[in-house]
N, C-alpha and C. Protein backbone atom coordinates (compact mmCIF):
# COMPACT_ATOMS: atom_id res chain seq x y z
N MET A 1 -77.96 -45.90 -51.09
CA MET A 1 -77.46 -46.02 -49.75
C MET A 1 -78.15 -47.16 -49.01
N PHE A 2 -79.46 -47.28 -49.16
CA PHE A 2 -80.20 -48.37 -48.53
C PHE A 2 -80.67 -49.33 -49.61
N THR A 3 -80.60 -50.63 -49.31
CA THR A 3 -81.02 -51.64 -50.26
C THR A 3 -82.49 -51.96 -50.06
N GLN A 4 -83.05 -52.74 -50.98
CA GLN A 4 -84.44 -53.16 -50.84
C GLN A 4 -84.61 -54.01 -49.58
N HIS A 5 -83.62 -54.82 -49.26
CA HIS A 5 -83.65 -55.62 -48.03
C HIS A 5 -83.72 -54.72 -46.79
N ASP A 6 -82.96 -53.61 -46.80
CA ASP A 6 -82.99 -52.66 -45.68
C ASP A 6 -84.38 -52.06 -45.52
N PHE A 7 -85.02 -51.69 -46.63
CA PHE A 7 -86.36 -51.10 -46.54
C PHE A 7 -87.36 -52.10 -45.97
N GLU A 8 -87.24 -53.36 -46.36
CA GLU A 8 -88.13 -54.39 -45.81
C GLU A 8 -87.89 -54.58 -44.32
N ALA A 9 -86.62 -54.57 -43.91
CA ALA A 9 -86.29 -54.72 -42.48
C ALA A 9 -86.78 -53.52 -41.67
N LEU A 10 -86.73 -52.34 -42.25
CA LEU A 10 -87.18 -51.13 -41.55
C LEU A 10 -88.69 -51.09 -41.35
N SER A 11 -89.43 -51.89 -42.11
CA SER A 11 -90.88 -51.89 -41.96
C SER A 11 -91.36 -52.84 -40.86
N GLY A 12 -90.43 -53.42 -40.11
CA GLY A 12 -90.78 -54.33 -39.01
C GLY A 12 -91.50 -53.60 -37.88
N LEU A 13 -92.10 -54.37 -36.98
CA LEU A 13 -92.88 -53.80 -35.89
C LEU A 13 -92.03 -53.15 -34.80
N TYR A 14 -90.88 -53.72 -34.51
CA TYR A 14 -90.11 -53.27 -33.36
C TYR A 14 -88.74 -52.74 -33.76
N VAL A 15 -88.71 -51.79 -34.65
CA VAL A 15 -87.45 -51.23 -35.12
C VAL A 15 -87.17 -49.92 -34.39
N GLN A 16 -85.98 -49.84 -33.81
CA GLN A 16 -85.58 -48.66 -33.04
C GLN A 16 -84.38 -47.99 -33.71
N PRO A 17 -84.50 -46.73 -34.16
CA PRO A 17 -83.36 -46.06 -34.79
C PRO A 17 -82.35 -45.58 -33.74
N ALA A 18 -81.11 -45.45 -34.15
CA ALA A 18 -80.06 -44.92 -33.28
C ALA A 18 -79.07 -44.13 -34.12
N TRP A 19 -78.56 -43.06 -33.56
CA TRP A 19 -77.57 -42.23 -34.23
C TRP A 19 -76.23 -42.38 -33.52
N PHE A 20 -75.17 -42.42 -34.29
CA PHE A 20 -73.82 -42.59 -33.77
C PHE A 20 -72.95 -41.47 -34.32
N ALA A 21 -72.06 -40.95 -33.48
CA ALA A 21 -71.15 -39.89 -33.92
C ALA A 21 -69.73 -40.25 -33.50
N HIS A 22 -68.83 -40.23 -34.47
CA HIS A 22 -67.41 -40.41 -34.18
C HIS A 22 -66.79 -39.02 -34.24
N VAL A 23 -66.40 -38.49 -33.07
CA VAL A 23 -65.93 -37.12 -32.96
C VAL A 23 -64.45 -37.12 -32.56
N ASP A 24 -63.65 -36.34 -33.27
CA ASP A 24 -62.23 -36.18 -32.94
C ASP A 24 -62.04 -34.92 -32.12
N PHE A 25 -62.23 -35.02 -30.80
CA PHE A 25 -62.00 -33.90 -29.91
C PHE A 25 -60.49 -33.71 -29.73
N PRO A 26 -60.05 -32.50 -29.34
CA PRO A 26 -58.62 -32.30 -29.08
C PRO A 26 -58.09 -33.23 -27.99
N SER A 27 -58.95 -33.61 -27.06
CA SER A 27 -58.51 -34.50 -25.98
C SER A 27 -58.46 -35.97 -26.42
N GLY A 28 -58.98 -36.26 -27.62
CA GLY A 28 -58.97 -37.63 -28.12
C GLY A 28 -60.26 -37.97 -28.83
N SER A 29 -60.23 -39.04 -29.57
CA SER A 29 -61.39 -39.48 -30.35
C SER A 29 -62.43 -40.13 -29.43
N ARG A 30 -63.71 -39.80 -29.66
CA ARG A 30 -64.79 -40.41 -28.87
C ARG A 30 -65.86 -40.90 -29.81
N ARG A 31 -66.43 -42.03 -29.45
CA ARG A 31 -67.53 -42.63 -30.21
C ARG A 31 -68.77 -42.59 -29.32
N LEU A 32 -69.77 -41.82 -29.77
CA LEU A 32 -70.96 -41.55 -28.97
C LEU A 32 -72.20 -42.04 -29.70
N HIS A 33 -73.25 -42.38 -28.95
CA HIS A 33 -74.54 -42.69 -29.57
C HIS A 33 -75.66 -42.08 -28.74
N THR A 34 -76.84 -41.95 -29.34
CA THR A 34 -77.94 -41.23 -28.71
C THR A 34 -78.70 -42.06 -27.69
N GLY A 35 -78.29 -43.29 -27.46
CA GLY A 35 -78.97 -44.14 -26.49
C GLY A 35 -78.31 -44.13 -25.13
N MET A 36 -78.66 -45.15 -24.33
CA MET A 36 -78.09 -45.30 -22.99
C MET A 36 -77.04 -46.40 -22.98
N GLY A 37 -76.00 -46.19 -22.20
CA GLY A 37 -75.01 -47.24 -21.97
C GLY A 37 -74.15 -47.53 -23.18
N PRO A 38 -73.16 -48.42 -22.99
CA PRO A 38 -72.27 -48.77 -24.09
C PRO A 38 -72.93 -49.74 -25.07
N VAL A 39 -72.59 -49.59 -26.35
CA VAL A 39 -73.08 -50.46 -27.41
C VAL A 39 -71.88 -50.83 -28.27
N GLU A 40 -71.75 -52.11 -28.62
CA GLU A 40 -70.67 -52.51 -29.52
C GLU A 40 -71.27 -52.79 -30.88
N ILE A 41 -70.81 -52.03 -31.85
CA ILE A 41 -71.29 -52.19 -33.23
C ILE A 41 -70.18 -51.70 -34.16
N GLY A 42 -70.04 -52.35 -35.28
CA GLY A 42 -69.02 -51.97 -36.24
C GLY A 42 -67.61 -52.19 -35.74
N GLY A 43 -67.45 -53.08 -34.77
CA GLY A 43 -66.12 -53.37 -34.24
C GLY A 43 -65.62 -52.37 -33.22
N HIS A 44 -66.47 -51.43 -32.80
CA HIS A 44 -66.08 -50.42 -31.82
C HIS A 44 -67.12 -50.33 -30.72
N GLU A 45 -66.69 -49.86 -29.56
CA GLU A 45 -67.63 -49.62 -28.48
C GLU A 45 -68.00 -48.14 -28.48
N TRP A 46 -69.31 -47.89 -28.44
CA TRP A 46 -69.85 -46.53 -28.49
C TRP A 46 -70.50 -46.24 -27.15
N GLU A 47 -70.23 -45.06 -26.59
CA GLU A 47 -70.80 -44.71 -25.29
C GLU A 47 -72.09 -43.91 -25.47
N GLY A 48 -73.09 -44.27 -24.67
CA GLY A 48 -74.38 -43.57 -24.72
C GLY A 48 -74.31 -42.23 -24.03
N VAL A 49 -74.97 -41.23 -24.61
CA VAL A 49 -74.97 -39.89 -24.03
C VAL A 49 -76.33 -39.49 -23.48
N SER A 50 -77.35 -40.32 -23.67
CA SER A 50 -78.66 -40.04 -23.10
C SER A 50 -78.80 -40.77 -21.77
N ASP A 51 -79.39 -40.10 -20.82
CA ASP A 51 -79.64 -40.68 -19.51
C ASP A 51 -80.97 -40.13 -19.00
N PRO A 52 -82.09 -40.81 -19.35
CA PRO A 52 -83.39 -40.26 -18.95
C PRO A 52 -83.56 -40.20 -17.43
N PHE A 53 -82.85 -41.04 -16.69
CA PHE A 53 -82.97 -41.01 -15.23
C PHE A 53 -82.21 -39.82 -14.64
N GLY A 54 -81.15 -39.41 -15.32
CA GLY A 54 -80.41 -38.23 -14.90
C GLY A 54 -80.97 -36.97 -15.53
N GLY A 55 -82.00 -37.12 -16.37
CA GLY A 55 -82.64 -35.96 -16.99
C GLY A 55 -81.90 -35.43 -18.20
N GLN A 56 -81.00 -36.20 -18.77
CA GLN A 56 -80.21 -35.73 -19.90
C GLN A 56 -80.62 -36.49 -21.16
N LEU A 57 -81.15 -35.80 -22.14
CA LEU A 57 -81.59 -36.43 -23.38
C LEU A 57 -80.95 -35.72 -24.56
N VAL A 58 -80.64 -36.49 -25.60
CA VAL A 58 -80.01 -35.94 -26.80
C VAL A 58 -80.96 -36.14 -27.97
N GLY A 59 -81.14 -35.10 -28.77
CA GLY A 59 -81.97 -35.19 -29.96
C GLY A 59 -81.23 -34.65 -31.17
N LEU A 60 -81.52 -35.24 -32.32
CA LEU A 60 -80.94 -34.78 -33.57
C LEU A 60 -82.05 -34.29 -34.48
N GLY A 61 -81.76 -33.22 -35.20
CA GLY A 61 -82.71 -32.73 -36.19
C GLY A 61 -82.65 -33.59 -37.44
N ALA A 62 -83.38 -33.18 -38.44
CA ALA A 62 -83.44 -33.93 -39.69
C ALA A 62 -82.08 -33.90 -40.39
N VAL A 63 -81.70 -35.05 -40.95
CA VAL A 63 -80.50 -35.14 -41.77
C VAL A 63 -80.97 -35.07 -43.21
N GLU A 64 -80.72 -33.93 -43.84
CA GLU A 64 -81.24 -33.71 -45.19
C GLU A 64 -80.14 -33.91 -46.22
N GLU A 65 -80.56 -34.34 -47.39
CA GLU A 65 -79.61 -34.46 -48.49
C GLU A 65 -79.27 -33.07 -49.00
N SER A 66 -78.04 -32.91 -49.42
CA SER A 66 -77.65 -31.61 -49.96
C SER A 66 -78.25 -31.45 -51.35
N TYR A 67 -78.52 -30.22 -51.70
CA TYR A 67 -79.03 -29.92 -53.04
C TYR A 67 -78.33 -28.66 -53.54
N PHE A 68 -78.62 -28.27 -54.76
CA PHE A 68 -77.91 -27.16 -55.39
C PHE A 68 -77.89 -25.92 -54.51
N GLY A 69 -76.69 -25.43 -54.21
CA GLY A 69 -76.55 -24.18 -53.48
C GLY A 69 -76.82 -24.27 -51.99
N GLN A 70 -77.01 -25.47 -51.44
CA GLN A 70 -77.31 -25.62 -50.02
C GLN A 70 -76.47 -26.76 -49.46
N ALA A 71 -75.77 -26.53 -48.38
CA ALA A 71 -74.96 -27.56 -47.74
C ALA A 71 -75.73 -28.13 -46.56
N PRO A 72 -75.58 -29.43 -46.29
CA PRO A 72 -76.33 -30.03 -45.19
C PRO A 72 -75.79 -29.60 -43.82
N ALA A 73 -76.69 -29.54 -42.86
CA ALA A 73 -76.33 -29.26 -41.46
C ALA A 73 -77.34 -29.99 -40.59
N VAL A 74 -76.88 -30.54 -39.49
CA VAL A 74 -77.74 -31.30 -38.58
C VAL A 74 -77.69 -30.62 -37.21
N ASP A 75 -78.85 -30.32 -36.65
CA ASP A 75 -78.94 -29.75 -35.31
C ASP A 75 -78.84 -30.84 -34.26
N VAL A 76 -78.04 -30.60 -33.23
CA VAL A 76 -77.91 -31.52 -32.10
C VAL A 76 -78.27 -30.73 -30.85
N VAL A 77 -79.20 -31.28 -30.04
CA VAL A 77 -79.62 -30.61 -28.81
C VAL A 77 -79.54 -31.61 -27.66
N MET A 78 -78.85 -31.21 -26.59
CA MET A 78 -78.81 -32.01 -25.38
C MET A 78 -79.55 -31.22 -24.31
N SER A 79 -80.67 -31.77 -23.84
CA SER A 79 -81.46 -31.05 -22.85
C SER A 79 -81.29 -31.68 -21.48
N GLY A 80 -81.60 -30.91 -20.46
CA GLY A 80 -81.54 -31.40 -19.10
C GLY A 80 -80.14 -31.48 -18.54
N ALA A 81 -79.20 -30.77 -19.13
CA ALA A 81 -77.82 -30.83 -18.65
C ALA A 81 -77.70 -30.15 -17.29
N ASN A 82 -76.89 -30.73 -16.41
CA ASN A 82 -76.72 -30.11 -15.10
C ASN A 82 -75.71 -28.96 -15.19
N ARG A 83 -75.63 -28.21 -14.11
CA ARG A 83 -74.82 -26.99 -14.08
C ARG A 83 -73.34 -27.26 -14.35
N GLU A 84 -72.79 -28.33 -13.77
CA GLU A 84 -71.37 -28.65 -13.95
C GLU A 84 -71.06 -28.98 -15.41
N PHE A 85 -71.98 -29.74 -16.03
CA PHE A 85 -71.77 -30.11 -17.44
C PHE A 85 -71.85 -28.86 -18.33
N LEU A 86 -72.80 -27.98 -18.06
CA LEU A 86 -72.91 -26.74 -18.82
C LEU A 86 -71.61 -25.92 -18.71
N LYS A 87 -71.07 -25.85 -17.51
CA LYS A 87 -69.83 -25.09 -17.31
C LYS A 87 -68.68 -25.73 -18.08
N SER A 88 -68.58 -27.06 -18.06
CA SER A 88 -67.49 -27.72 -18.78
C SER A 88 -67.59 -27.50 -20.28
N VAL A 89 -68.81 -27.54 -20.82
CA VAL A 89 -68.99 -27.27 -22.26
C VAL A 89 -68.64 -25.83 -22.57
N TRP A 90 -69.08 -24.91 -21.72
CA TRP A 90 -68.79 -23.50 -21.96
C TRP A 90 -67.29 -23.23 -21.93
N ASP A 91 -66.59 -23.85 -20.98
CA ASP A 91 -65.14 -23.64 -20.87
C ASP A 91 -64.39 -24.24 -22.06
N ASP A 92 -64.93 -25.31 -22.66
CA ASP A 92 -64.26 -25.99 -23.78
C ASP A 92 -64.84 -25.61 -25.14
N ARG A 93 -65.66 -24.59 -25.22
CA ARG A 93 -66.37 -24.27 -26.47
C ARG A 93 -65.44 -24.00 -27.64
N HIS A 94 -64.29 -23.37 -27.37
CA HIS A 94 -63.37 -23.06 -28.46
C HIS A 94 -62.67 -24.31 -28.97
N ALA A 95 -62.43 -25.26 -28.10
CA ALA A 95 -61.80 -26.52 -28.50
C ALA A 95 -62.78 -27.40 -29.27
N ILE A 96 -64.08 -27.30 -28.95
CA ILE A 96 -65.09 -28.13 -29.60
C ILE A 96 -65.34 -27.66 -31.03
N GLU A 97 -65.32 -26.36 -31.24
CA GLU A 97 -65.61 -25.82 -32.57
C GLU A 97 -64.60 -26.31 -33.60
N GLY A 98 -65.09 -26.87 -34.69
CA GLY A 98 -64.24 -27.33 -35.78
C GLY A 98 -63.79 -28.77 -35.68
N CYS A 99 -64.16 -29.47 -34.62
CA CYS A 99 -63.78 -30.88 -34.48
C CYS A 99 -64.46 -31.72 -35.57
N ALA A 100 -63.72 -32.65 -36.15
CA ALA A 100 -64.28 -33.53 -37.18
C ALA A 100 -65.31 -34.45 -36.55
N CYS A 101 -66.42 -34.68 -37.29
CA CYS A 101 -67.50 -35.51 -36.77
C CYS A 101 -68.15 -36.27 -37.92
N ASP A 102 -68.14 -37.59 -37.81
CA ASP A 102 -68.84 -38.45 -38.77
C ASP A 102 -70.12 -38.93 -38.11
N LEU A 103 -71.24 -38.78 -38.79
CA LEU A 103 -72.54 -39.17 -38.25
C LEU A 103 -73.03 -40.43 -38.95
N TYR A 104 -73.37 -41.45 -38.15
CA TYR A 104 -73.81 -42.74 -38.67
C TYR A 104 -75.23 -43.04 -38.20
N PHE A 105 -75.89 -43.93 -38.93
CA PHE A 105 -77.25 -44.34 -38.61
C PHE A 105 -77.32 -45.86 -38.60
N ALA A 106 -78.06 -46.41 -37.65
CA ALA A 106 -78.31 -47.85 -37.61
C ALA A 106 -79.65 -48.06 -36.91
N THR A 107 -80.25 -49.21 -37.12
CA THR A 107 -81.50 -49.54 -36.43
C THR A 107 -81.34 -50.88 -35.73
N PHE A 108 -82.11 -51.04 -34.66
CA PHE A 108 -82.04 -52.24 -33.83
C PHE A 108 -83.43 -52.79 -33.61
N ASP A 109 -83.52 -54.09 -33.37
CA ASP A 109 -84.76 -54.71 -32.94
C ASP A 109 -84.94 -54.32 -31.48
N ALA A 110 -86.04 -53.65 -31.14
CA ALA A 110 -86.25 -53.13 -29.79
C ALA A 110 -86.38 -54.24 -28.75
N GLU A 111 -86.81 -55.43 -29.17
CA GLU A 111 -86.98 -56.51 -28.20
C GLU A 111 -85.68 -57.26 -27.93
N THR A 112 -84.88 -57.50 -28.96
CA THR A 112 -83.67 -58.32 -28.80
C THR A 112 -82.39 -57.48 -28.74
N GLY A 113 -82.43 -56.26 -29.23
CA GLY A 113 -81.23 -55.43 -29.26
C GLY A 113 -80.30 -55.74 -30.42
N GLU A 114 -80.69 -56.65 -31.30
CA GLU A 114 -79.86 -57.02 -32.46
C GLU A 114 -80.00 -55.96 -33.56
N PRO A 115 -78.89 -55.67 -34.25
CA PRO A 115 -78.98 -54.70 -35.35
C PRO A 115 -79.88 -55.20 -36.48
N VAL A 116 -80.72 -54.32 -36.99
CA VAL A 116 -81.59 -54.63 -38.12
C VAL A 116 -80.94 -54.11 -39.40
N VAL A 117 -80.58 -52.85 -39.40
CA VAL A 117 -79.84 -52.25 -40.52
C VAL A 117 -78.53 -51.77 -39.94
N MET A 118 -77.44 -52.29 -40.48
CA MET A 118 -76.11 -51.96 -39.96
C MET A 118 -75.74 -50.52 -40.32
N PHE A 119 -74.60 -50.11 -39.83
CA PHE A 119 -74.08 -48.76 -40.01
C PHE A 119 -74.20 -48.22 -41.41
N ARG A 120 -74.63 -47.00 -41.50
CA ARG A 120 -74.57 -46.23 -42.74
C ARG A 120 -74.05 -44.85 -42.38
N ARG A 121 -72.97 -44.42 -43.02
CA ARG A 121 -72.50 -43.05 -42.75
C ARG A 121 -73.43 -42.10 -43.48
N MET A 122 -74.05 -41.22 -42.71
CA MET A 122 -75.02 -40.29 -43.25
C MET A 122 -74.41 -38.92 -43.55
N MET A 123 -73.37 -38.58 -42.82
CA MET A 123 -72.78 -37.25 -43.01
C MET A 123 -71.37 -37.21 -42.45
N GLN A 124 -70.53 -36.48 -43.13
CA GLN A 124 -69.18 -36.23 -42.66
C GLN A 124 -69.06 -34.72 -42.54
N GLY A 125 -68.66 -34.24 -41.37
CA GLY A 125 -68.62 -32.79 -41.20
C GLY A 125 -67.79 -32.36 -40.02
N ARG A 126 -68.12 -31.18 -39.52
CA ARG A 126 -67.42 -30.58 -38.37
C ARG A 126 -68.45 -29.99 -37.42
N LEU A 127 -68.06 -29.87 -36.15
CA LEU A 127 -68.94 -29.31 -35.13
C LEU A 127 -68.83 -27.79 -35.12
N THR A 128 -69.96 -27.12 -34.90
CA THR A 128 -69.93 -25.68 -34.67
C THR A 128 -69.71 -25.45 -33.18
N ALA A 129 -69.49 -24.21 -32.80
CA ALA A 129 -69.34 -23.89 -31.38
C ALA A 129 -70.67 -24.15 -30.67
N PRO A 130 -70.62 -24.75 -29.50
CA PRO A 130 -71.86 -25.02 -28.78
C PRO A 130 -72.49 -23.74 -28.24
N ARG A 131 -73.80 -23.77 -28.16
CA ARG A 131 -74.57 -22.66 -27.60
C ARG A 131 -75.29 -23.18 -26.38
N VAL A 132 -75.19 -22.49 -25.28
CA VAL A 132 -75.87 -22.88 -24.06
C VAL A 132 -77.17 -22.08 -23.97
N VAL A 133 -78.29 -22.81 -23.82
CA VAL A 133 -79.61 -22.17 -23.73
C VAL A 133 -80.13 -22.38 -22.32
N ILE A 134 -80.37 -21.29 -21.61
CA ILE A 134 -80.92 -21.35 -20.26
C ILE A 134 -82.20 -20.53 -20.27
N ASN A 135 -83.31 -21.19 -19.93
CA ASN A 135 -84.60 -20.52 -19.91
C ASN A 135 -85.20 -20.72 -18.52
N GLY A 136 -84.88 -19.80 -17.62
CA GLY A 136 -85.35 -19.92 -16.25
C GLY A 136 -84.51 -20.91 -15.47
N PRO A 137 -84.96 -21.25 -14.28
CA PRO A 137 -84.16 -22.14 -13.42
C PRO A 137 -84.26 -23.61 -13.81
N VAL A 138 -85.18 -23.98 -14.69
CA VAL A 138 -85.43 -25.39 -14.96
C VAL A 138 -84.90 -25.84 -16.32
N VAL A 139 -85.08 -25.05 -17.35
CA VAL A 139 -84.75 -25.47 -18.72
C VAL A 139 -83.31 -25.11 -19.05
N ARG A 140 -82.50 -26.14 -19.26
CA ARG A 140 -81.10 -25.95 -19.66
C ARG A 140 -80.82 -26.89 -20.82
N ALA A 141 -80.18 -26.35 -21.87
CA ALA A 141 -79.86 -27.19 -23.03
C ALA A 141 -78.59 -26.68 -23.69
N ILE A 142 -77.98 -27.56 -24.45
CA ILE A 142 -76.81 -27.23 -25.25
C ILE A 142 -77.17 -27.56 -26.69
N SER A 143 -76.92 -26.63 -27.59
CA SER A 143 -77.20 -26.91 -29.00
C SER A 143 -75.95 -26.59 -29.82
N LEU A 144 -75.77 -27.40 -30.85
CA LEU A 144 -74.70 -27.17 -31.81
C LEU A 144 -75.13 -27.80 -33.12
N LYS A 145 -74.32 -27.64 -34.13
CA LYS A 145 -74.62 -28.21 -35.44
C LYS A 145 -73.44 -29.05 -35.91
N ILE A 146 -73.76 -30.04 -36.71
CA ILE A 146 -72.76 -30.75 -37.48
C ILE A 146 -72.93 -30.24 -38.90
N VAL A 147 -71.91 -29.61 -39.42
CA VAL A 147 -72.02 -28.97 -40.74
C VAL A 147 -71.06 -29.63 -41.72
N GLY A 148 -71.45 -29.65 -42.98
CA GLY A 148 -70.61 -30.19 -44.04
C GLY A 148 -69.51 -29.22 -44.41
N GLU A 149 -68.58 -29.69 -45.25
CA GLU A 149 -67.44 -28.85 -45.61
C GLU A 149 -67.82 -27.64 -46.45
N PHE A 150 -68.97 -27.67 -47.10
CA PHE A 150 -69.39 -26.54 -47.92
C PHE A 150 -70.45 -25.72 -47.19
N GLU A 151 -70.36 -25.66 -45.86
CA GLU A 151 -71.33 -24.97 -45.04
C GLU A 151 -71.45 -23.50 -45.40
N GLY A 152 -70.40 -22.90 -45.91
CA GLY A 152 -70.43 -21.50 -46.29
C GLY A 152 -71.48 -21.20 -47.36
N LEU A 153 -71.94 -22.22 -48.09
CA LEU A 153 -72.98 -21.99 -49.09
C LEU A 153 -74.30 -21.58 -48.44
N ASN A 154 -74.47 -21.89 -47.16
CA ASN A 154 -75.72 -21.56 -46.48
C ASN A 154 -75.83 -20.09 -46.11
N PHE A 155 -74.74 -19.35 -46.24
CA PHE A 155 -74.73 -17.95 -45.85
C PHE A 155 -74.31 -17.10 -47.03
N PRO A 156 -75.00 -15.99 -47.27
CA PRO A 156 -74.58 -15.11 -48.37
C PRO A 156 -73.27 -14.41 -48.03
N THR A 157 -72.37 -14.37 -48.98
CA THR A 157 -71.12 -13.66 -48.79
C THR A 157 -71.15 -12.46 -49.72
N MET A 158 -71.27 -11.31 -49.16
CA MET A 158 -71.52 -10.12 -49.96
C MET A 158 -70.33 -9.68 -50.80
N GLY A 159 -69.11 -9.84 -50.32
CA GLY A 159 -67.99 -9.31 -51.07
C GLY A 159 -67.23 -10.34 -51.88
N SER A 160 -67.65 -11.58 -51.88
CA SER A 160 -66.89 -12.63 -52.53
C SER A 160 -67.25 -12.74 -54.00
N MET A 161 -66.23 -12.72 -54.83
CA MET A 161 -66.48 -12.86 -56.26
C MET A 161 -66.91 -14.28 -56.62
N TRP A 162 -66.31 -15.28 -55.98
CA TRP A 162 -66.55 -16.66 -56.39
C TRP A 162 -67.56 -17.36 -55.51
N SER A 163 -68.67 -16.70 -55.28
CA SER A 163 -69.80 -17.29 -54.58
C SER A 163 -71.05 -17.02 -55.42
N PRO A 164 -72.11 -17.82 -55.25
CA PRO A 164 -73.34 -17.54 -56.01
C PRO A 164 -73.85 -16.12 -55.79
N THR A 165 -73.74 -15.60 -54.56
CA THR A 165 -74.22 -14.24 -54.27
C THR A 165 -73.36 -13.20 -54.98
N GLY A 166 -72.04 -13.37 -54.92
CA GLY A 166 -71.15 -12.43 -55.60
C GLY A 166 -71.37 -12.43 -57.11
N GLN A 167 -71.60 -13.63 -57.67
CA GLN A 167 -71.85 -13.72 -59.11
C GLN A 167 -73.15 -12.99 -59.49
N ARG A 168 -74.19 -13.13 -58.67
CA ARG A 168 -75.47 -12.46 -58.96
C ARG A 168 -75.36 -10.94 -58.79
N GLN A 169 -74.46 -10.48 -57.93
CA GLN A 169 -74.26 -9.03 -57.80
C GLN A 169 -73.70 -8.45 -59.09
N ARG A 170 -72.79 -9.19 -59.71
CA ARG A 170 -72.19 -8.72 -60.95
C ARG A 170 -73.09 -8.97 -62.15
N TYR A 171 -73.75 -10.13 -62.18
CA TYR A 171 -74.59 -10.53 -63.32
C TYR A 171 -75.93 -11.01 -62.77
N PRO A 172 -76.90 -10.11 -62.59
CA PRO A 172 -78.20 -10.51 -62.01
C PRO A 172 -78.85 -11.64 -62.81
N GLY A 173 -79.35 -12.63 -62.07
CA GLY A 173 -80.03 -13.77 -62.69
C GLY A 173 -79.12 -14.93 -63.06
N ASP A 174 -77.79 -14.74 -63.01
CA ASP A 174 -76.87 -15.81 -63.37
C ASP A 174 -76.82 -16.84 -62.24
N THR A 175 -77.05 -18.12 -62.57
CA THR A 175 -77.03 -19.18 -61.57
C THR A 175 -75.88 -20.16 -61.80
N GLY A 176 -74.89 -19.78 -62.56
CA GLY A 176 -73.79 -20.68 -62.90
C GLY A 176 -73.02 -21.21 -61.71
N LEU A 177 -72.75 -20.38 -60.73
CA LEU A 177 -71.97 -20.83 -59.57
C LEU A 177 -72.81 -21.64 -58.59
N ASP A 178 -74.12 -21.73 -58.78
CA ASP A 178 -74.96 -22.56 -57.92
C ASP A 178 -74.65 -24.04 -58.11
N TYR A 179 -74.05 -24.39 -59.23
CA TYR A 179 -73.82 -25.79 -59.56
C TYR A 179 -72.42 -26.29 -59.22
N ILE A 180 -71.59 -25.45 -58.65
CA ILE A 180 -70.24 -25.88 -58.25
C ILE A 180 -70.36 -26.76 -57.02
N ASN A 181 -69.65 -27.89 -57.02
CA ASN A 181 -69.64 -28.88 -55.95
C ASN A 181 -70.99 -29.56 -55.74
N ALA A 182 -71.84 -29.55 -56.74
CA ALA A 182 -73.13 -30.23 -56.64
C ALA A 182 -73.08 -31.50 -57.49
N ASP A 183 -73.72 -32.56 -56.99
CA ASP A 183 -73.78 -33.80 -57.75
C ASP A 183 -74.75 -33.62 -58.92
N LEU A 184 -74.31 -33.95 -60.09
CA LEU A 184 -75.13 -33.85 -61.28
C LEU A 184 -75.32 -35.23 -61.90
N VAL A 185 -76.47 -35.46 -62.46
CA VAL A 185 -76.75 -36.69 -63.16
C VAL A 185 -77.11 -36.31 -64.59
N GLU A 186 -76.33 -36.82 -65.53
CA GLU A 186 -76.59 -36.54 -66.93
C GLU A 186 -77.31 -37.72 -67.54
N VAL A 187 -78.37 -37.45 -68.26
CA VAL A 187 -79.15 -38.49 -68.92
C VAL A 187 -79.02 -38.28 -70.43
N TYR A 188 -78.53 -39.29 -71.11
CA TYR A 188 -78.39 -39.21 -72.56
C TYR A 188 -79.50 -40.04 -73.18
N LYS A 189 -80.25 -39.41 -74.05
CA LYS A 189 -81.34 -40.11 -74.75
C LYS A 189 -80.96 -40.22 -76.22
N PRO A 190 -81.10 -41.41 -76.76
CA PRO A 190 -80.75 -41.59 -78.18
C PRO A 190 -81.74 -40.91 -79.10
């Protein structure tokens, strides 16, 4: 995914990471990024969703590679949301759930704003229903996840025959279904 040139560029002194999400909401497609203001990259204009002066910040959890029996999921948290924004998200929560979302990564030179490492699609998935977290009169946040298409692997399904859990119920110790939809690398030695 990343070249040797990308790794050398990432070791620079003033490299700033940024996350971009292309989301297909029912009201229309939106291109968002975790910074402030509009940014043009990849031939599209992306709108910033963080506003430290308005008290609204967006954070993403770790983007992990999928491995056997586990589907990737990324946590997204927007903190400092005002009351009107919380209400709008709550009212639209059913429309938000299941929207397609592609997550991209790029880095910029913090001094010049020029891209250092161009777009890389890190994950293709869907949004979960948003959760509103209110802790007292001051702390307000919205959290949701971007989940991959095989997100169901993250949860045990007790009655399903064709899941790793269902297979182990019938045949204890059998791990055969753990390898379905997993990338395998075969090495042949002469």
